Amino acid sequence: FTSIQQRIREYQQTKTSAKQPPPHKAQ
């Protein structure tokens, strides 16, 4: 019900991977 879930996922993603999503994939 809040944006914390997405912020946690994005934080974990930046810690574990420096890969960027493909440019055609909208996020």
PDB file of all heavy atoms in Angstrom:
ATOM      1  N   PHE A   1       0.785  -1.226   0.000  1.00  0.00           N
ATOM      2  CA  PHE A   1       0.000   0.000   0.000  1.00  0.00           C
ATOM      3  C   PHE A   1       0.825   1.288   0.000  1.00  0.00           C
ATOM      4  O   PHE A   1       0.267   2.369   0.030  1.00  0.00           O
ATOM      5  CB  PHE A   1      -0.947  -0.012   1.215  1.00  0.00           C
ATOM      6  CG  PHE A   1      -1.823  -1.220   1.228  1.00  0.00           C
ATOM      7  CD1 PHE A   1      -1.566  -2.276   2.079  1.00  0.00           C
ATOM      8  CD2 PHE A   1      -2.887  -1.325   0.348  1.00  0.00           C
ATOM      9  CE1 PHE A   1      -2.365  -3.404   2.081  1.00  0.00           C
ATOM     10  CE2 PHE A   1      -3.698  -2.449   0.331  1.00  0.00           C
ATOM     11  CZ  PHE A   1      -3.431  -3.488   1.203  1.00  0.00           C
ATOM     12  N   THR A   2       2.139   1.187  -0.002  1.00  0.00           N
ATOM     13  CA  THR A   2       3.003   2.365  -0.048  1.00  0.00           C
ATOM     14  C   THR A   2       4.111   2.126  -1.059  1.00  0.00           C
ATOM     15  O   THR A   2       4.248   1.025  -1.589  1.00  0.00           O
ATOM     16  CB  THR A   2       3.631   2.658   1.332  1.00  0.00           C
ATOM     17  OG1 THR A   2       4.522   1.596   1.664  1.00  0.00           O
ATOM     18  CG2 THR A   2       2.570   2.814   2.418  1.00  0.00           C
ATOM     19  N   SER A   3       4.915   3.127  -1.311  1.00  0.00           N
ATOM     20  CA  SER A   3       5.998   3.005  -2.293  1.00  0.00           C
ATOM     21  C   SER A   3       7.258   2.379  -1.703  1.00  0.00           C
ATOM     22  O   SER A   3       8.218   2.170  -2.419  1.00  0.00           O
ATOM     23  CB  SER A   3       6.329   4.383  -2.862  1.00  0.00           C
ATOM     24  OG  SER A   3       6.772   5.240  -1.822  1.00  0.00           O
ATOM     25  N   ILE A   4       7.262   2.036  -0.425  1.00  0.00           N
ATOM     26  CA  ILE A   4       8.466   1.502   0.205  1.00  0.00           C
ATOM     27  C   ILE A   4       8.916   0.199  -0.449  1.00  0.00           C
ATOM     28  O   ILE A   4      10.109  -0.053  -0.588  1.00  0.00           O
ATOM     29  CB  ILE A   4       8.289   1.328   1.738  1.00  0.00           C
ATOM     30  CG1 ILE A   4       9.623   1.003   2.411  1.00  0.00           C
ATOM     31  CG2 ILE A   4       7.263   0.267   2.059  1.00  0.00           C
ATOM     32  CD1 ILE A   4      10.616   2.110   2.375  1.00  0.00           C
ATOM     33  N   GLN A   5       7.980  -0.619  -0.868  1.00  0.00           N
ATOM     34  CA  GLN A   5       8.311  -1.888  -1.506  1.00  0.00           C
ATOM     35  C   GLN A   5       9.186  -1.648  -2.745  1.00  0.00           C
ATOM     36  O   GLN A   5      10.221  -2.285  -2.918  1.00  0.00           O
ATOM     37  CB  GLN A   5       7.015  -2.582  -1.914  1.00  0.00           C
ATOM     38  CG  GLN A   5       7.049  -4.070  -1.879  1.00  0.00           C
ATOM     39  CD  GLN A   5       5.685  -4.641  -2.239  1.00  0.00           C
ATOM     40  OE1 GLN A   5       4.984  -4.115  -3.111  1.00  0.00           O
ATOM     41  NE2 GLN A   5       5.303  -5.701  -1.567  1.00  0.00           N
ATOM     42  N   GLN A   6       8.795  -0.723  -3.580  1.00  0.00           N
ATOM     43  CA  GLN A   6       9.547  -0.423  -4.793  1.00  0.00           C
ATOM     44  C   GLN A   6      10.891   0.210  -4.456  1.00  0.00           C
ATOM     45  O   GLN A   6      11.904  -0.109  -5.065  1.00  0.00           O
ATOM     46  CB  GLN A   6       8.751   0.506  -5.707  1.00  0.00           C
ATOM     47  CG  GLN A   6       9.512   0.813  -6.992  1.00  0.00           C
ATOM     48  CD  GLN A   6       8.707   1.658  -7.942  1.00  0.00           C
ATOM     49  OE1 GLN A   6       7.517   1.885  -7.741  1.00  0.00           O
ATOM     50  NE2 GLN A   6       9.343   2.120  -8.980  1.00  0.00           N
ATOM     51  N   ARG A   7      10.917   1.094  -3.470  1.00  0.00           N
ATOM     52  CA  ARG A   7      12.185   1.724  -3.098  1.00  0.00           C
ATOM     53  C   ARG A   7      13.186   0.714  -2.553  1.00  0.00           C
ATOM     54  O   ARG A   7      14.373   0.797  -2.830  1.00  0.00           O
ATOM     55  CB  ARG A   7      11.947   2.859  -2.106  1.00  0.00           C
ATOM     56  CG  ARG A   7      11.320   4.071  -2.801  1.00  0.00           C
ATOM     57  CD  ARG A   7      11.188   5.258  -1.891  1.00  0.00           C
ATOM     58  NE  ARG A   7       9.970   5.075  -1.111  1.00  0.00           N
ATOM     59  CZ  ARG A   7       9.882   5.281   0.191  1.00  0.00           C
ATOM     60  NH1 ARG A   7      10.910   5.687   0.871  1.00  0.00           N
ATOM     61  NH2 ARG A   7       8.739   5.105   0.827  1.00  0.00           N
ATOM     62  N   ILE A   8      12.703  -0.261  -1.789  1.00  0.00           N
ATOM     63  CA  ILE A   8      13.585  -1.312  -1.276  1.00  0.00           C
ATOM     64  C   ILE A   8      14.136  -2.139  -2.435  1.00  0.00           C
ATOM     65  O   ILE A   8      15.330  -2.419  -2.498  1.00  0.00           O
ATOM     66  CB  ILE A   8      12.843  -2.213  -0.257  1.00  0.00           C
ATOM     67  CG1 ILE A   8      12.583  -1.430   1.027  1.00  0.00           C
ATOM     68  CG2 ILE A   8      13.644  -3.479   0.028  1.00  0.00           C
ATOM     69  CD1 ILE A   8      11.673  -2.141   2.009  1.00  0.00           C
ATOM     70  N   ARG A   9      13.266  -2.523  -3.376  1.00  0.00           N
ATOM     71  CA  ARG A   9      13.712  -3.305  -4.537  1.00  0.00           C
ATOM     72  C   ARG A   9      14.751  -2.550  -5.351  1.00  0.00           C
ATOM     73  O   ARG A   9      15.770  -3.120  -5.755  1.00  0.00           O
ATOM     74  CB  ARG A   9      12.525  -3.669  -5.423  1.00  0.00           C
ATOM     75  CG  ARG A   9      11.849  -4.939  -5.002  1.00  0.00           C
ATOM     76  CD  ARG A   9      10.845  -5.395  -6.046  1.00  0.00           C
ATOM     77  NE  ARG A   9       9.544  -5.376  -5.375  1.00  0.00           N
ATOM     78  CZ  ARG A   9       8.482  -4.722  -5.779  1.00  0.00           C
ATOM     79  NH1 ARG A   9       8.484  -4.026  -6.867  1.00  0.00           N
ATOM     80  NH2 ARG A   9       7.375  -4.749  -5.082  1.00  0.00           N
ATOM     81  N   GLU A  10      14.499  -1.267  -5.607  1.00  0.00           N
ATOM     82  CA  GLU A  10      15.451  -0.473  -6.393  1.00  0.00           C
ATOM     83  C   GLU A  10      16.777  -0.325  -5.658  1.00  0.00           C
ATOM     84  O   GLU A  10      17.838  -0.389  -6.266  1.00  0.00           O
ATOM     85  CB  GLU A  10      14.855   0.890  -6.716  1.00  0.00           C
ATOM     86  CG  GLU A  10      13.764   0.808  -7.764  1.00  0.00           C
ATOM     87  CD  GLU A  10      13.155   2.165  -8.074  1.00  0.00           C
ATOM     88  OE1 GLU A  10      13.699   3.202  -7.622  1.00  0.00           O
ATOM     89  OE2 GLU A  10      12.133   2.185  -8.762  1.00  0.00           O
ATOM     90  N   TYR A  11      16.736  -0.157  -4.359  1.00  0.00           N
ATOM     91  CA  TYR A  11      17.956  -0.049  -3.563  1.00  0.00           C
ATOM     92  C   TYR A  11      18.751  -1.352  -3.633  1.00  0.00           C
ATOM     93  O   TYR A  11      19.958  -1.348  -3.847  1.00  0.00           O
ATOM     94  CB  TYR A  11      17.611   0.287  -2.115  1.00  0.00           C
ATOM     95  CG  TYR A  11      18.810   0.287  -1.200  1.00  0.00           C
ATOM     96  CD1 TYR A  11      19.724   1.330  -1.238  1.00  0.00           C
ATOM     97  CD2 TYR A  11      19.025  -0.761  -0.318  1.00  0.00           C
ATOM     98  CE1 TYR A  11      20.834   1.331  -0.406  1.00  0.00           C
ATOM     99  CE2 TYR A  11      20.124  -0.772   0.515  1.00  0.00           C
ATOM    100  CZ  TYR A  11      21.036   0.278   0.467  1.00  0.00           C
ATOM    101  OH  TYR A  11      22.128   0.256   1.288  1.00  0.00           O
ATOM    102  N   GLN A  12      18.071  -2.483  -3.475  1.00  0.00           N
ATOM    103  CA  GLN A  12      18.753  -3.774  -3.542  1.00  0.00           C
ATOM    104  C   GLN A  12      19.311  -4.034  -4.930  1.00  0.00           C
ATOM    105  O   GLN A  12      20.393  -4.595  -5.069  1.00  0.00           O
ATOM    106  CB  GLN A  12      17.795  -4.896  -3.129  1.00  0.00           C
ATOM    107  CG  GLN A  12      17.478  -4.879  -1.659  1.00  0.00           C
ATOM    108  CD  GLN A  12      16.377  -5.836  -1.267  1.00  0.00           C
ATOM    109  OE1 GLN A  12      15.577  -6.268  -2.092  1.00  0.00           O
ATOM    110  NE2 GLN A  12      16.322  -6.160   0.023  1.00  0.00           N
ATOM    111  N   GLN A  13      18.593  -3.609  -5.955  1.00  0.00           N
ATOM    112  CA  GLN A  13      19.053  -3.779  -7.329  1.00  0.00           C
ATOM    113  C   GLN A  13      20.336  -3.000  -7.582  1.00  0.00           C
ATOM    114  O   GLN A  13      21.262  -3.510  -8.195  1.00  0.00           O
ATOM    115  CB  GLN A  13      17.979  -3.297  -8.297  1.00  0.00           C
ATOM    116  CG  GLN A  13      17.577  -4.309  -9.302  1.00  0.00           C
ATOM    117  CD  GLN A  13      16.443  -3.782 -10.172  1.00  0.00           C
ATOM    118  OE1 GLN A  13      16.047  -2.619 -10.087  1.00  0.00           O
ATOM    119  NE2 GLN A  13      15.910  -4.639 -10.992  1.00  0.00           N
ATOM    120  N   THR A  14      20.398  -1.765  -7.114  1.00  0.00           N
ATOM    121  CA  THR A  14      21.589  -0.952  -7.347  1.00  0.00           C
ATOM    122  C   THR A  14      22.784  -1.492  -6.567  1.00  0.00           C
ATOM    123  O   THR A  14      23.919  -1.342  -7.000  1.00  0.00           O
ATOM    124  CB  THR A  14      21.360   0.526  -6.974  1.00  0.00           C
ATOM    125  OG1 THR A  14      20.956   0.613  -5.617  1.00  0.00           O
ATOM    126  CG2 THR A  14      20.333   1.163  -7.872  1.00  0.00           C
ATOM    127  N   LYS A  15      22.531  -2.135  -5.428  1.00  0.00           N
ATOM    128  CA  LYS A  15      23.619  -2.728  -4.651  1.00  0.00           C
ATOM    129  C   LYS A  15      24.171  -3.987  -5.308  1.00  0.00           C
ATOM    130  O   LYS A  15      25.353  -4.243  -5.257  1.00  0.00           O
ATOM    131  CB  LYS A  15      23.145  -3.063  -3.231  1.00  0.00           C
ATOM    132  CG  LYS A  15      23.092  -1.859  -2.316  1.00  0.00           C
ATOM    133  CD  LYS A  15      22.668  -2.246  -0.935  1.00  0.00           C
ATOM    134  CE  LYS A  15      23.704  -3.173  -0.313  1.00  0.00           C
ATOM    135  NZ  LYS A  15      23.394  -3.548   1.070  1.00  0.00           N
ATOM    136  N   THR A  16      23.303  -4.796  -5.904  1.00  0.00           N
ATOM    137  CA  THR A  16      23.725  -6.084  -6.433  1.00  0.00           C
ATOM    138  C   THR A  16      24.094  -6.058  -7.905  1.00  0.00           C
ATOM    139  O   THR A  16      24.807  -6.932  -8.373  1.00  0.00           O
ATOM    140  CB  THR A  16      22.630  -7.148  -6.231  1.00  0.00           C
ATOM    141  OG1 THR A  16      21.449  -6.723  -6.895  1.00  0.00           O
ATOM    142  CG2 THR A  16      22.350  -7.365  -4.754  1.00  0.00           C
ATOM    143  N   SER A  17      23.642  -5.063  -8.626  1.00  0.00           N
ATOM    144  CA  SER A  17      23.888  -5.058 -10.062  1.00  0.00           C
ATOM    145  C   SER A  17      24.004  -3.641 -10.594  1.00  0.00           C
ATOM    146  O   SER A  17      23.240  -2.778 -10.234  1.00  0.00           O
ATOM    147  CB  SER A  17      22.743  -5.778 -10.777  1.00  0.00           C
ATOM    148  OG  SER A  17      22.884  -5.672 -12.159  1.00  0.00           O
ATOM    149  N   ALA A  18      24.960  -3.446 -11.466  1.00  0.00           N
ATOM    150  CA  ALA A  18      25.119  -2.137 -12.099  1.00  0.00           C
ATOM    151  C   ALA A  18      24.460  -2.122 -13.468  1.00  0.00           C
ATOM    152  O   ALA A  18      24.565  -1.156 -14.203  1.00  0.00           O
ATOM    153  CB  ALA A  18      26.597  -1.798 -12.226  1.00  0.00           C
ATOM    154  N   LYS A  19      23.772  -3.204 -13.827  1.00  0.00           N
ATOM    155  CA  LYS A  19      23.118  -3.291 -15.133  1.00  0.00           C
ATOM    156  C   LYS A  19      21.958  -2.316 -15.217  1.00  0.00           C
ATOM    157  O   LYS A  19      21.217  -2.142 -14.273  1.00  0.00           O
ATOM    158  CB  LYS A  19      22.583  -4.704 -15.368  1.00  0.00           C
ATOM    159  CG  LYS A  19      23.654  -5.750 -15.486  1.00  0.00           C
ATOM    160  CD  LYS A  19      23.008  -7.101 -15.701  1.00  0.00           C
ATOM    161  CE  LYS A  19      24.048  -8.189 -15.717  1.00  0.00           C
ATOM    162  NZ  LYS A  19      23.437  -9.510 -15.874  1.00  0.00           N
ATOM    163  N   GLN A  20      21.794  -1.725 -16.370  1.00  0.00           N
ATOM    164  CA  GLN A  20      20.668  -0.833 -16.635  1.00  0.00           C
ATOM    165  C   GLN A  20      19.611  -1.609 -17.404  1.00  0.00           C
ATOM    166  O   GLN A  20      19.937  -2.465 -18.203  1.00  0.00           O
ATOM    167  CB  GLN A  20      21.121   0.380 -17.460  1.00  0.00           C
ATOM    168  CG  GLN A  20      22.090   1.282 -16.741  1.00  0.00           C
ATOM    169  CD  GLN A  20      21.431   1.945 -15.531  1.00  0.00           C
ATOM    170  OE1 GLN A  20      20.267   2.265 -15.562  1.00  0.00           O
ATOM    171  NE2 GLN A  20      22.193   2.130 -14.479  1.00  0.00           N
ATOM    172  N   PRO A  21      18.324  -1.319 -17.186  1.00  0.00           N
ATOM    173  CA  PRO A  21      17.278  -2.004 -17.945  1.00  0.00           C
ATOM    174  C   PRO A  21      17.360  -1.617 -19.418  1.00  0.00           C
ATOM    175  O   PRO A  21      17.855  -0.534 -19.749  1.00  0.00           O
ATOM    176  CB  PRO A  21      15.984  -1.492 -17.316  1.00  0.00           C
ATOM    177  CG  PRO A  21      16.347  -0.242 -16.614  1.00  0.00           C
ATOM    178  CD  PRO A  21      17.802  -0.343 -16.255  1.00  0.00           C
ATOM    179  N   PRO A  22      16.905  -2.493 -20.296  1.00  0.00           N
ATOM    180  CA  PRO A  22      16.901  -2.156 -21.725  1.00  0.00           C
ATOM    181  C   PRO A  22      16.120  -0.871 -21.970  1.00  0.00           C
ATOM    182  O   PRO A  22      15.124  -0.624 -21.297  1.00  0.00           O
ATOM    183  CB  PRO A  22      16.200  -3.346 -22.383  1.00  0.00           C
ATOM    184  CG  PRO A  22      16.198  -4.430 -21.366  1.00  0.00           C
ATOM    185  CD  PRO A  22      16.341  -3.787 -20.020  1.00  0.00           C
ATOM    186  N   PRO A  23      16.566  -0.034 -22.925  1.00  0.00           N
ATOM    187  CA  PRO A  23      15.903   1.252 -23.154  1.00  0.00           C
ATOM    188  C   PRO A  23      14.445   1.118 -23.579  1.00  0.00           C
ATOM    189  O   PRO A  23      13.659   2.010 -23.364  1.00  0.00           O
ATOM    190  CB  PRO A  23      16.721   1.917 -24.254  1.00  0.00           C
ATOM    191  CG  PRO A  23      17.668   0.901 -24.755  1.00  0.00           C
ATOM    192  CD  PRO A  23      17.702  -0.243 -23.789  1.00  0.00           C
ATOM    193  N   HIS A  24      14.048   0.000 -24.181  1.00  0.00           N
ATOM    194  CA  HIS A  24      12.665  -0.164 -24.624  1.00  0.00           C
ATOM    195  C   HIS A  24      11.723  -0.523 -23.483  1.00  0.00           C
ATOM    196  O   HIS A  24      10.520  -0.454 -23.628  1.00  0.00           O
ATOM    197  CB  HIS A  24      12.573  -1.228 -25.722  1.00  0.00           C
ATOM    198  CG  HIS A  24      12.878  -2.606 -25.231  1.00  0.00           C
ATOM    199  ND1 HIS A  24      14.171  -3.072 -25.113  1.00  0.00           N
ATOM    200  CD2 HIS A  24      12.073  -3.607 -24.796  1.00  0.00           C
ATOM    201  CE1 HIS A  24      14.147  -4.309 -24.643  1.00  0.00           C
ATOM    202  NE2 HIS A  24      12.891  -4.653 -24.439  1.00  0.00           N
ATOM    203  N   LYS A  25      12.265  -0.901 -22.345  1.00  0.00           N
ATOM    204  CA  LYS A  25      11.434  -1.296 -21.203  1.00  0.00           C
ATOM    205  C   LYS A  25      11.136  -0.068 -20.340  1.00  0.00           C
ATOM    206  O   LYS A  25      12.013   0.496 -19.718  1.00  0.00           O
ATOM    207  CB  LYS A  25      12.152  -2.358 -20.379  1.00  0.00           C
ATOM    208  CG  LYS A  25      11.293  -2.920 -19.272  1.00  0.00           C
ATOM    209  CD  LYS A  25      12.022  -4.030 -18.549  1.00  0.00           C
ATOM    210  CE  LYS A  25      11.143  -4.585 -17.456  1.00  0.00           C
ATOM    211  NZ  LYS A  25      11.802  -5.656 -16.728  1.00  0.00           N
ATOM    212  N   ALA A  26       9.887   0.333 -20.310  1.00  0.00           N
ATOM    213  CA  ALA A  26       9.492   1.500 -19.519  1.00  0.00           C
ATOM    214  C   ALA A  26       9.382   1.101 -18.050  1.00  0.00           C
ATOM    215  O   ALA A  26       8.809   0.082 -17.724  1.00  0.00           O
ATOM    216  CB  ALA A  26       8.167   2.055 -20.022  1.00  0.00           C
ATOM    217  N   GLN A  27       9.938   1.924 -17.182  1.00  0.00           N
ATOM    218  CA  GLN A  27       9.856   1.678 -15.752  1.00  0.00           C
ATOM    219  C   GLN A  27       9.435   2.955 -15.052  1.00  0.00           C
ATOM    220  O   GLN A  27       9.814   4.044 -15.441  1.00  0.00           O
ATOM    221  CB  GLN A  27      11.213   1.265 -15.186  1.00  0.00           C
ATOM    222  CG  GLN A  27      11.516  -0.181 -15.343  1.00  0.00           C
ATOM    223  CD  GLN A  27      12.752  -0.546 -14.521  1.00  0.00           C
ATOM    224  OE1 GLN A  27      13.598   0.288 -14.262  1.00  0.00           O
ATOM    225  NE2 GLN A  27      12.832  -1.783 -14.119  1.00  0.00           N
TER     226      GLN A  27
END
